[in-house]
């Protein structure tokens, strides 16, 4: 998150700590929301981090008209084993109800 994925990836490679002892979180940003855009953004993040999987992937903000499809993309990535856990930031109760109902 916050344009530091390449630096975090470098630190992971150089630190000597086993991957399973790290918990890595990143986010899909507002301009990248939507189903296909989220899938592409995830791959960019994963490449920058140099990881096979992400521990926690978050939707940064509920972008109107896009966050529901973004959530579906996160579910897909989790089902593929590319993300261990998914979540949201800055959502209100009505946003949560909508993604749960989908």
PDB file of N, CA and C in Angstrom:
ATOM      1  N   UNK A   1       0.834  -1.194   0.000  1.00  0.00           N
ATOM      2  CA  UNK A   1       0.000   0.000   0.000  1.00  0.00           C
ATOM      3  C   UNK A   1       0.875   1.253   0.000  1.00  0.00           C
ATOM      4  N   UNK A   2       0.324   2.340  -0.405  1.00  0.00           N
ATOM      5  CA  UNK A   2       1.003   3.638  -0.373  1.00  0.00           C
ATOM      6  C   UNK A   2       2.315   3.639  -1.159  1.00  0.00           C
ATOM      7  N   UNK A   3       2.290   2.985  -2.326  1.00  0.00           N
ATOM      8  CA  UNK A   3       3.435   2.957  -3.246  1.00  0.00           C
ATOM      9  C   UNK A   3       4.714   2.409  -2.625  1.00  0.00           C
ATOM     10  N   UNK A   4       4.587   1.451  -1.733  1.00  0.00           N
ATOM     11  CA  UNK A   4       5.792   0.889  -1.118  1.00  0.00           C
ATOM     12  C   UNK A   4       5.964  -0.604  -1.392  1.00  0.00           C
ATOM     13  N   UNK A   5       5.184  -1.155  -2.308  1.00  0.00           N
ATOM     14  CA  UNK A   5       5.235  -2.599  -2.536  1.00  0.00           C
ATOM     15  C   UNK A   5       6.595  -3.070  -3.040  1.00  0.00           C
ATOM     16  N   UNK A   6       7.219  -2.316  -3.931  1.00  0.00           N
ATOM     17  CA  UNK A   6       8.539  -2.738  -4.412  1.00  0.00           C
ATOM     18  C   UNK A   6       9.558  -2.752  -3.278  1.00  0.00           C
ATOM     19  N   UNK A   7       9.525  -1.739  -2.432  1.00  0.00           N
ATOM     20  CA  UNK A   7      10.437  -1.688  -1.292  1.00  0.00           C
ATOM     21  C   UNK A   7      10.171  -2.795  -0.293  1.00  0.00           C
ATOM     22  N   UNK A   8       8.905  -3.075  -0.051  1.00  0.00           N
ATOM     23  CA  UNK A   8       8.548  -4.171   0.854  1.00  0.00           C
ATOM     24  C   UNK A   8       9.012  -5.493   0.260  1.00  0.00           C
ATOM     25  N   UNK A   9       8.805  -5.668  -1.040  1.00  0.00           N
ATOM     26  CA  UNK A   9       9.260  -6.885  -1.706  1.00  0.00           C
ATOM     27  C   UNK A   9      10.761  -7.079  -1.572  1.00  0.00           C
ATOM     28  N   UNK A  10      11.511  -6.017  -1.756  1.00  0.00           N
ATOM     29  CA  UNK A  10      12.965  -6.091  -1.607  1.00  0.00           C
ATOM     30  C   UNK A  10      13.338  -6.460  -0.173  1.00  0.00           C
ATOM     31  N   UNK A  11      12.668  -5.851   0.790  1.00  0.00           N
ATOM     32  CA  UNK A  11      12.943  -6.158   2.200  1.00  0.00           C
ATOM     33  C   UNK A  11      12.632  -7.616   2.519  1.00  0.00           C
ATOM     34  N   UNK A  12      11.544  -8.129   1.965  1.00  0.00           N
ATOM     35  CA  UNK A  12      11.187  -9.536   2.186  1.00  0.00           C
ATOM     36  C   UNK A  12      12.294 -10.442   1.651  1.00  0.00           C
ATOM     37  N   UNK A  13      12.764 -10.152   0.445  1.00  0.00           N
ATOM     38  CA  UNK A  13      13.813 -10.980  -0.168  1.00  0.00           C
ATOM     39  C   UNK A  13      15.121 -10.924   0.615  1.00  0.00           C
ATOM     40  N   UNK A  14      15.422  -9.773   1.197  1.00  0.00           N
ATOM     41  CA  UNK A  14      16.720  -9.583   1.841  1.00  0.00           C
ATOM     42  C   UNK A  14      16.740  -9.877   3.341  1.00  0.00           C
ATOM     43  N   UNK A  15      15.587  -9.999   3.969  1.00  0.00           N
ATOM     44  CA  UNK A  15      15.561 -10.079   5.436  1.00  0.00           C
ATOM     45  C   UNK A  15      15.925 -11.441   6.008  1.00  0.00           C
ATOM     46  N   UNK A  16      15.778 -12.490   5.215  1.00  0.00           N
ATOM     47  CA  UNK A  16      16.120 -13.811   5.709  1.00  0.00           C
ATOM     48  C   UNK A  16      15.052 -14.465   6.570  1.00  0.00           C
ATOM     49  N   UNK A  17      13.894 -13.825   6.703  1.00  0.00           N
ATOM     50  CA  UNK A  17      12.795 -14.401   7.476  1.00  0.00           C
ATOM     51  C   UNK A  17      11.974 -15.297   6.549  1.00  0.00           C
ATOM     52  N   UNK A  18      11.593 -16.462   7.038  1.00  0.00           N
ATOM     53  CA  UNK A  18      10.789 -17.389   6.244  1.00  0.00           C
ATOM     54  C   UNK A  18       9.448 -16.757   5.885  1.00  0.00           C
ATOM     55  N   UNK A  19       8.982 -17.025   4.667  1.00  0.00           N
ATOM     56  CA  UNK A  19       7.724 -16.436   4.200  1.00  0.00           C
ATOM     57  C   UNK A  19       6.570 -16.753   5.142  1.00  0.00           C
ATOM     58  N   UNK A  20       6.521 -17.955   5.662  1.00  0.00           N
ATOM     59  CA  UNK A  20       5.396 -18.332   6.523  1.00  0.00           C
ATOM     60  C   UNK A  20       5.429 -17.642   7.886  1.00  0.00           C
ATOM     61  N   UNK A  21       6.483 -16.902   8.161  1.00  0.00           N
ATOM     62  CA  UNK A  21       6.549 -16.121   9.400  1.00  0.00           C
ATOM     63  C   UNK A  21       6.184 -14.659   9.179  1.00  0.00           C
ATOM     64  N   UNK A  22       5.854 -14.312   7.952  1.00  0.00           N
ATOM     65  CA  UNK A  22       5.455 -12.947   7.607  1.00  0.00           C
ATOM     66  C   UNK A  22       3.968 -12.908   7.298  1.00  0.00           C
ATOM     67  N   UNK A  23       3.332 -11.796   7.597  1.00  0.00           N
ATOM     68  CA  UNK A  23       1.928 -11.575   7.245  1.00  0.00           C
ATOM     69  C   UNK A  23       1.891 -10.294   6.421  1.00  0.00           C
ATOM     70  N   UNK A  24       1.642 -10.448   5.123  1.00  0.00           N
ATOM     71  CA  UNK A  24       1.717  -9.327   4.191  1.00  0.00           C
ATOM     72  C   UNK A  24       0.312  -8.889   3.783  1.00  0.00           C
ATOM     73  N   UNK A  25       0.058  -7.593   3.950  1.00  0.00           N
ATOM     74  CA  UNK A  25      -1.226  -6.978   3.603  1.00  0.00           C
ATOM     75  C   UNK A  25      -0.996  -5.911   2.547  1.00  0.00           C
ATOM     76  N   UNK A  26      -1.888  -5.853   1.573  1.00  0.00           N
ATOM     77  CA  UNK A  26      -1.896  -4.738   0.631  1.00  0.00           C
ATOM     78  C   UNK A  26      -3.340  -4.471   0.228  1.00  0.00           C
ATOM     79  N   UNK A  27      -3.530  -3.436  -0.591  1.00  0.00           N
ATOM     80  CA  UNK A  27      -4.882  -2.984  -0.938  1.00  0.00           C
ATOM     81  C   UNK A  27      -5.044  -2.828  -2.436  1.00  0.00           C
ATOM     82  N   UNK A  28      -6.301  -2.944  -2.869  1.00  0.00           N
ATOM     83  CA  UNK A  28      -6.664  -2.504  -4.215  1.00  0.00           C
ATOM     84  C   UNK A  28      -7.140  -1.058  -4.069  1.00  0.00           C
ATOM     85  N   UNK A  29      -6.544  -0.173  -4.866  1.00  0.00           N
ATOM     86  CA  UNK A  29      -6.816   1.256  -4.764  1.00  0.00           C
ATOM     87  C   UNK A  29      -8.007   1.664  -5.618  1.00  0.00           C
ATOM     88  N   UNK A  30      -8.565   2.798  -5.330  1.00  0.00           N
ATOM     89  CA  UNK A  30      -9.782   3.278  -5.983  1.00  0.00           C
ATOM     90  C   UNK A  30      -9.737   3.217  -7.508  1.00  0.00           C
ATOM     91  N   UNK A  31      -8.685   3.701  -8.179  1.00  0.00           N
ATOM     92  CA  UNK A  31      -8.691   3.681  -9.644  1.00  0.00           C
ATOM     93  C   UNK A  31      -8.658   2.272 -10.236  1.00  0.00           C
ATOM     94  N   UNK A  32      -8.283   1.286  -9.430  1.00  0.00           N
ATOM     95  CA  UNK A  32      -8.159  -0.092  -9.907  1.00  0.00           C
ATOM     96  C   UNK A  32      -9.382  -0.947  -9.600  1.00  0.00           C
ATOM     97  N   UNK A  33     -10.429  -0.353  -9.074  1.00  0.00           N
ATOM     98  CA  UNK A  33     -11.595  -1.148  -8.712  1.00  0.00           C
ATOM     99  C   UNK A  33     -12.419  -1.538  -9.933  1.00  0.00           C
ATOM    100  N   UNK A  34     -13.241  -2.569  -9.746  1.00  0.00           N
ATOM    101  CA  UNK A  34     -13.967  -3.240 -10.815  1.00  0.00           C
ATOM    102  C   UNK A  34     -13.380  -4.640 -10.925  1.00  0.00           C
ATOM    103  N   UNK A  35     -14.113  -5.567 -11.492  1.00  0.00           N
ATOM    104  CA  UNK A  35     -13.689  -6.969 -11.484  1.00  0.00           C
ATOM    105  C   UNK A  35     -12.355  -7.179 -12.197  1.00  0.00           C
ATOM    106  N   UNK A  36     -12.313  -6.911 -13.485  1.00  0.00           N
ATOM    107  CA  UNK A  36     -11.093  -7.159 -14.260  1.00  0.00           C
ATOM    108  C   UNK A  36      -9.937  -6.279 -13.805  1.00  0.00           C
ATOM    109  N   UNK A  37     -10.234  -5.022 -13.500  1.00  0.00           N
ATOM    110  CA  UNK A  37      -9.184  -4.101 -13.050  1.00  0.00           C
ATOM    111  C   UNK A  37      -8.559  -4.577 -11.748  1.00  0.00           C
ATOM    112  N   UNK A  38      -9.376  -5.127 -10.868  1.00  0.00           N
ATOM    113  CA  UNK A  38      -8.865  -5.641  -9.597  1.00  0.00           C
ATOM    114  C   UNK A  38      -7.953  -6.835  -9.819  1.00  0.00           C
ATOM    115  N   UNK A  39      -8.351  -7.734 -10.714  1.00  0.00           N
ATOM    116  CA  UNK A  39      -7.497  -8.889 -11.009  1.00  0.00           C
ATOM    117  C   UNK A  39      -6.136  -8.439 -11.529  1.00  0.00           C
ATOM    118  N   UNK A  40      -6.143  -7.458 -12.422  1.00  0.00           N
ATOM    119  CA  UNK A  40      -4.883  -6.938 -12.967  1.00  0.00           C
ATOM    120  C   UNK A  40      -4.059  -6.244 -11.883  1.00  0.00           C
ATOM    121  N   UNK A  41      -4.705  -5.425 -11.072  1.00  0.00           N
ATOM    122  CA  UNK A  41      -3.996  -4.702 -10.007  1.00  0.00           C
ATOM    123  C   UNK A  41      -3.378  -5.678  -9.010  1.00  0.00           C
ATOM    124  N   UNK A  42      -4.095  -6.756  -8.716  1.00  0.00           N
ATOM    125  CA  UNK A  42      -3.561  -7.756  -7.799  1.00  0.00           C
ATOM    126  C   UNK A  42      -2.273  -8.359  -8.350  1.00  0.00           C
ATOM    127  N   UNK A  43      -2.276  -8.699  -9.624  1.00  0.00           N
ATOM    128  CA  UNK A  43      -1.080  -9.290 -10.227  1.00  0.00           C
ATOM    129  C   UNK A  43       0.094  -8.320 -10.200  1.00  0.00           C
ATOM    130  N   UNK A  44      -0.174  -7.045 -10.417  1.00  0.00           N
ATOM    131  CA  UNK A  44       0.892  -6.039 -10.334  1.00  0.00           C
ATOM    132  C   UNK A  44       1.452  -5.995  -8.912  1.00  0.00           C
ATOM    133  N   UNK A  45       0.562  -5.978  -7.930  1.00  0.00           N
ATOM    134  CA  UNK A  45       1.006  -5.957  -6.529  1.00  0.00           C
ATOM    135  C   UNK A  45       1.817  -7.199  -6.187  1.00  0.00           C
ATOM    136  N   UNK A  46       1.335  -8.334  -6.613  1.00  0.00           N
ATOM    137  CA  UNK A  46       2.020  -9.592  -6.311  1.00  0.00           C
ATOM    138  C   UNK A  46       3.407  -9.628  -6.951  1.00  0.00           C
ATOM    139  N   UNK A  47       3.497  -9.116  -8.178  1.00  0.00           N
ATOM    140  CA  UNK A  47       4.794  -9.058  -8.862  1.00  0.00           C
ATOM    141  C   UNK A  47       5.747  -8.114  -8.135  1.00  0.00           C
ATOM    142  N   UNK A  48       5.250  -6.937  -7.755  1.00  0.00           N
ATOM    143  CA  UNK A  48       6.098  -5.971  -7.045  1.00  0.00           C
ATOM    144  C   UNK A  48       6.596  -6.541  -5.719  1.00  0.00           C
ATOM    145  N   UNK A  49       5.737  -7.268  -5.042  1.00  0.00           N
ATOM    146  CA  UNK A  49       6.104  -7.862  -3.757  1.00  0.00           C
ATOM    147  C   UNK A  49       6.963  -9.116  -3.928  1.00  0.00           C
ATOM    148  N   UNK A  50       6.871  -9.736  -5.105  1.00  0.00           N
ATOM    149  CA  UNK A  50       7.640 -10.947  -5.361  1.00  0.00           C
ATOM    150  C   UNK A  50       7.129 -12.146  -4.596  1.00  0.00           C
ATOM    151  N   UNK A  51       5.811 -12.237  -4.436  1.00  0.00           N
ATOM    152  CA  UNK A  51       5.216 -13.295  -3.616  1.00  0.00           C
ATOM    153  C   UNK A  51       4.307 -14.200  -4.434  1.00  0.00           C
ATOM    154  N   UNK A  52       4.154 -15.430  -3.964  1.00  0.00           N
ATOM    155  CA  UNK A  52       3.215 -16.364  -4.577  1.00  0.00           C
ATOM    156  C   UNK A  52       1.788 -16.102  -4.125  1.00  0.00           C
ATOM    157  N   UNK A  53       1.645 -15.563  -2.933  1.00  0.00           N
ATOM    158  CA  UNK A  53       0.318 -15.266  -2.391  1.00  0.00           C
ATOM    159  C   UNK A  53       0.423 -14.059  -1.467  1.00  0.00           C
ATOM    160  N   UNK A  54      -0.736 -13.447  -1.198  1.00  0.00           N
ATOM    161  CA  UNK A  54      -0.844 -12.320  -0.271  1.00  0.00           C
ATOM    162  C   UNK A  54      -1.666 -12.804   0.921  1.00  0.00           C
ATOM    163  N   UNK A  55      -1.260 -12.448   2.118  1.00  0.00           N
ATOM    164  CA  UNK A  55      -1.991 -12.889   3.307  1.00  0.00           C
ATOM    165  C   UNK A  55      -3.332 -12.181   3.457  1.00  0.00           C
ATOM    166  N   UNK A  56      -3.357 -10.875   3.232  1.00  0.00           N
ATOM    167  CA  UNK A  56      -4.593 -10.103   3.368  1.00  0.00           C
ATOM    168  C   UNK A  56      -4.639  -9.055   2.273  1.00  0.00           C
ATOM    169  N   UNK A  57      -5.729  -9.074   1.501  1.00  0.00           N
ATOM    170  CA  UNK A  57      -5.931  -8.094   0.431  1.00  0.00           C
ATOM    171  C   UNK A  57      -7.204  -7.333   0.753  1.00  0.00           C
ATOM    172  N   UNK A  58      -7.096  -6.009   0.777  1.00  0.00           N
ATOM    173  CA  UNK A  58      -8.200  -5.144   1.191  1.00  0.00           C
ATOM    174  C   UNK A  58      -8.690  -4.267   0.052  1.00  0.00           C
ATOM    175  N   UNK A  59      -9.973  -3.942   0.091  1.00  0.00           N
ATOM    176  CA  UNK A  59     -10.511  -2.868  -0.745  1.00  0.00           C
ATOM    177  C   UNK A  59     -10.312  -1.593   0.058  1.00  0.00           C
ATOM    178  N   UNK A  60      -9.606  -0.632  -0.520  1.00  0.00           N
ATOM    179  CA  UNK A  60      -9.268   0.583   0.214  1.00  0.00           C
ATOM    180  C   UNK A  60     -10.485   1.432   0.556  1.00  0.00           C
ATOM    181  N   UNK A  61     -11.410   1.555  -0.376  1.00  0.00           N
ATOM    182  CA  UNK A  61     -12.546   2.477  -0.208  1.00  0.00           C
ATOM    183  C   UNK A  61     -13.702   1.964  -1.050  1.00  0.00           C
ATOM    184  N   UNK A  62     -14.949   2.100  -0.595  1.00  0.00           N
ATOM    185  CA  UNK A  62     -16.099   1.632  -1.372  1.00  0.00           C
ATOM    186  C   UNK A  62     -16.445   2.585  -2.528  1.00  0.00           C
ATOM    187  N   UNK A  63     -15.766   2.427  -3.657  1.00  0.00           N
ATOM    188  CA  UNK A  63     -16.021   3.274  -4.824  1.00  0.00           C
ATOM    189  C   UNK A  63     -17.407   2.942  -5.382  1.00  0.00           C
ATOM    190  N   UNK A  64     -18.253   3.940  -5.452  1.00  0.00           N
ATOM    191  CA  UNK A  64     -19.630   3.766  -5.918  1.00  0.00           C
ATOM    192  C   UNK A  64     -19.627   3.123  -7.305  1.00  0.00           C
ATOM    193  N   UNK A  65     -20.453   2.091  -7.457  1.00  0.00           N
ATOM    194  CA  UNK A  65     -20.590   1.413  -8.733  1.00  0.00           C
ATOM    195  C   UNK A  65     -19.507   0.393  -9.027  1.00  0.00           C
ATOM    196  N   UNK A  66     -18.531   0.259  -8.144  1.00  0.00           N
ATOM    197  CA  UNK A  66     -17.430  -0.666  -8.416  1.00  0.00           C
ATOM    198  C   UNK A  66     -17.095  -1.619  -7.275  1.00  0.00           C
ATOM    199  N   UNK A  67     -17.395  -1.244  -6.049  1.00  0.00           N
ATOM    200  CA  UNK A  67     -16.887  -2.048  -4.929  1.00  0.00           C
ATOM    201  C   UNK A  67     -17.500  -3.437  -4.867  1.00  0.00           C
ATOM    202  N   UNK A  68     -18.724  -3.604  -5.352  1.00  0.00           N
ATOM    203  CA  UNK A  68     -19.339  -4.935  -5.322  1.00  0.00           C
ATOM    204  C   UNK A  68     -18.620  -5.889  -6.280  1.00  0.00           C
ATOM    205  N   UNK A  69     -18.292  -5.403  -7.466  1.00  0.00           N
ATOM    206  CA  UNK A  69     -17.542  -6.223  -8.419  1.00  0.00           C
ATOM    207  C   UNK A  69     -16.109  -6.450  -7.933  1.00  0.00           C
ATOM    208  N   UNK A  70     -15.556  -5.457  -7.274  1.00  0.00           N
ATOM    209  CA  UNK A  70     -14.218  -5.596  -6.703  1.00  0.00           C
ATOM    210  C   UNK A  70     -14.214  -6.711  -5.661  1.00  0.00           C
ATOM    211  N   UNK A  71     -15.235  -6.738  -4.814  1.00  0.00           N
ATOM    212  CA  UNK A  71     -15.346  -7.785  -3.791  1.00  0.00           C
ATOM    213  C   UNK A  71     -15.427  -9.166  -4.435  1.00  0.00           C
ATOM    214  N   UNK A  72     -16.190  -9.273  -5.527  1.00  0.00           N
ATOM    215  CA  UNK A  72     -16.298 -10.556  -6.233  1.00  0.00           C
ATOM    216  C   UNK A  72     -14.935 -10.998  -6.765  1.00  0.00           C
ATOM    217  N   UNK A  73     -14.144 -10.047  -7.239  1.00  0.00           N
ATOM    218  CA  UNK A  73     -12.799 -10.382  -7.714  1.00  0.00           C
ATOM    219  C   UNK A  73     -11.928 -10.887  -6.563  1.00  0.00           C
ATOM    220  N   UNK A  74     -12.050 -10.266  -5.395  1.00  0.00           N
ATOM    221  CA  UNK A  74     -11.290 -10.728  -4.233  1.00  0.00           C
ATOM    222  C   UNK A  74     -11.693 -12.147  -3.849  1.00  0.00           C
ATOM    223  N   UNK A  75     -12.970 -12.439  -3.899  1.00  0.00           N
ATOM    224  CA  UNK A  75     -13.437 -13.802  -3.609  1.00  0.00           C
ATOM    225  C   UNK A  75     -12.810 -14.784  -4.597  1.00  0.00           C
ATOM    226  N   UNK A  76     -12.806 -14.423  -5.878  1.00  0.00           N
ATOM    227  CA  UNK A  76     -12.208 -15.282  -6.905  1.00  0.00           C
ATOM    228  C   UNK A  76     -10.725 -15.542  -6.609  1.00  0.00           C
ATOM    229  N   UNK A  77      -9.989 -14.488  -6.302  1.00  0.00           N
ATOM    230  CA  UNK A  77      -8.561 -14.633  -6.006  1.00  0.00           C
ATOM    231  C   UNK A  77      -8.326 -15.495  -4.768  1.00  0.00           C
ATOM    232  N   UNK A  78      -9.205 -15.358  -3.787  1.00  0.00           N
ATOM    233  CA  UNK A  78      -9.093 -16.190  -2.585  1.00  0.00           C
ATOM    234  C   UNK A  78      -9.380 -17.655  -2.927  1.00  0.00           C
ATOM    235  N   UNK A  79     -10.398 -17.895  -3.735  1.00  0.00           N
ATOM    236  CA  UNK A  79     -10.723 -19.265  -4.138  1.00  0.00           C
ATOM    237  C   UNK A  79      -9.588 -19.901  -4.935  1.00  0.00           C
ATOM    238  N   UNK A  80      -8.832 -19.085  -5.661  1.00  0.00           N
ATOM    239  CA  UNK A  80      -7.687 -19.571  -6.433  1.00  0.00           C
ATOM    240  C   UNK A  80      -6.455 -19.807  -5.556  1.00  0.00           C
ATOM    241  N   UNK A  81      -6.533 -19.425  -4.286  1.00  0.00           N
ATOM    242  CA  UNK A  81      -5.417 -19.616  -3.368  1.00  0.00           C
ATOM    243  C   UNK A  81      -4.354 -18.530  -3.437  1.00  0.00           C
ATOM    244  N   UNK A  82      -4.670 -17.431  -4.117  1.00  0.00           N
ATOM    245  CA  UNK A  82      -3.705 -16.342  -4.266  1.00  0.00           C
ATOM    246  C   UNK A  82      -3.767 -15.352  -3.119  1.00  0.00           C
ATOM    247  N   UNK A  83      -4.867 -15.384  -2.374  1.00  0.00           N
ATOM    248  CA  UNK A  83      -5.066 -14.531  -1.199  1.00  0.00           C
ATOM    249  C   UNK A  83      -5.557 -15.431  -0.071  1.00  0.00           C
ATOM    250  N   UNK A  84      -4.981 -15.291   1.100  1.00  0.00           N
ATOM    251  CA  UNK A  84      -5.439 -16.074   2.255  1.00  0.00           C
ATOM    252  C   UNK A  84      -6.701 -15.471   2.872  1.00  0.00           C
ATOM    253  N   UNK A  85      -6.718 -14.151   3.053  1.00  0.00           N
ATOM    254  CA  UNK A  85      -7.854 -13.460   3.679  1.00  0.00           C
ATOM    255  C   UNK A  85      -8.168 -12.200   2.892  1.00  0.00           C
ATOM    256  N   UNK A  86      -9.453 -11.836   2.872  1.00  0.00           N
ATOM    257  CA  UNK A  86      -9.883 -10.623   2.185  1.00  0.00           C
ATOM    258  C   UNK A  86     -10.629  -9.731   3.166  1.00  0.00           C
ATOM    259  N   UNK A  87     -10.633  -8.433   2.875  1.00  0.00           N
ATOM    260  CA  UNK A  87     -11.303  -7.510   3.776  1.00  0.00           C
ATOM    261  C   UNK A  87     -11.506  -6.151   3.137  1.00  0.00           C
ATOM    262  N   UNK A  88     -12.006  -5.232   3.939  1.00  0.00           N
ATOM    263  CA  UNK A  88     -12.326  -3.889   3.461  1.00  0.00           C
ATOM    264  C   UNK A  88     -11.806  -2.846   4.446  1.00  0.00           C
ATOM    265  N   UNK A  89     -11.629  -1.640   3.928  1.00  0.00           N
ATOM    266  CA  UNK A  89     -11.287  -0.473   4.742  1.00  0.00           C
ATOM    267  C   UNK A  89     -12.309   0.611   4.426  1.00  0.00           C
ATOM    268  N   UNK A  90     -12.646   1.395   5.407  1.00  0.00           N
ATOM    269  CA  UNK A  90     -13.480   2.585   5.207  1.00  0.00           C
ATOM    270  C   UNK A  90     -14.904   2.290   4.737  1.00  0.00           C
ATOM    271  N   UNK A  91     -15.396   1.087   4.931  1.00  0.00           N
ATOM    272  CA  UNK A  91     -16.765   0.738   4.565  1.00  0.00           C
ATOM    273  C   UNK A  91     -17.694   1.069   5.725  1.00  0.00           C
ATOM    274  N   UNK A  92     -18.912   1.472   5.377  1.00  0.00           N
ATOM    275  CA  UNK A  92     -19.951   1.668   6.379  1.00  0.00           C
ATOM    276  C   UNK A  92     -20.850   0.433   6.391  1.00  0.00           C
ATOM    277  N   UNK A  93     -21.740   0.375   7.352  1.00  0.00           N
ATOM    278  CA  UNK A  93     -22.588  -0.807   7.516  1.00  0.00           C
ATOM    279  C   UNK A  93     -23.362  -1.125   6.245  1.00  0.00           C
ATOM    280  N   UNK A  94     -23.919  -0.122   5.582  1.00  0.00           N
ATOM    281  CA  UNK A  94     -24.713  -0.413   4.379  1.00  0.00           C
ATOM    282  C   UNK A  94     -23.846  -0.985   3.251  1.00  0.00           C
ATOM    283  N   UNK A  95     -22.586  -0.594   3.169  1.00  0.00           N
ATOM    284  CA  UNK A  95     -21.689  -1.181   2.170  1.00  0.00           C
ATOM    285  C   UNK A  95     -21.465  -2.665   2.478  1.00  0.00           C
ATOM    286  N   UNK A  96     -21.246  -2.964   3.744  1.00  0.00           N
ATOM    287  CA  UNK A  96     -21.022  -4.351   4.153  1.00  0.00           C
ATOM    288  C   UNK A  96     -22.244  -5.213   3.872  1.00  0.00           C
ATOM    289  N   UNK A  97     -23.423  -4.686   4.177  1.00  0.00           N
ATOM    290  CA  UNK A  97     -24.656  -5.436   3.910  1.00  0.00           C
ATOM    291  C   UNK A  97     -24.787  -5.758   2.429  1.00  0.00           C
ATOM    292  N   UNK A  98     -24.431  -4.804   1.577  1.00  0.00           N
ATOM    293  CA  UNK A  98     -24.552  -5.027   0.134  1.00  0.00           C
ATOM    294  C   UNK A  98     -23.620  -6.127  -0.359  1.00  0.00           C
ATOM    295  N   UNK A  99     -22.372  -6.142   0.091  1.00  0.00           N
ATOM    296  CA  UNK A  99     -21.475  -7.195  -0.402  1.00  0.00           C
ATOM    297  C   UNK A  99     -21.829  -8.553   0.203  1.00  0.00           C
ATOM    298  N   UNK A 100     -22.376  -8.556   1.399  1.00  0.00           N
ATOM    299  CA  UNK A 100     -22.812  -9.818   2.005  1.00  0.00           C
ATOM    300  C   UNK A 100     -24.016 -10.375   1.261  1.00  0.00           C
ATOM    301  N   UNK A 101     -24.937  -9.503   0.862  1.00  0.00           N
ATOM    302  CA  UNK A 101     -26.142  -9.940   0.153  1.00  0.00           C
ATOM    303  C   UNK A 101     -25.839 -10.463  -1.244  1.00  0.00           C
ATOM    304  N   UNK A 102     -24.766  -9.952  -1.860  1.00  0.00           N
ATOM    305  CA  UNK A 102     -24.388 -10.445  -3.194  1.00  0.00           C
ATOM    306  C   UNK A 102     -23.934 -11.877  -3.067  1.00  0.00           C
TER     307      UNK A 102
END
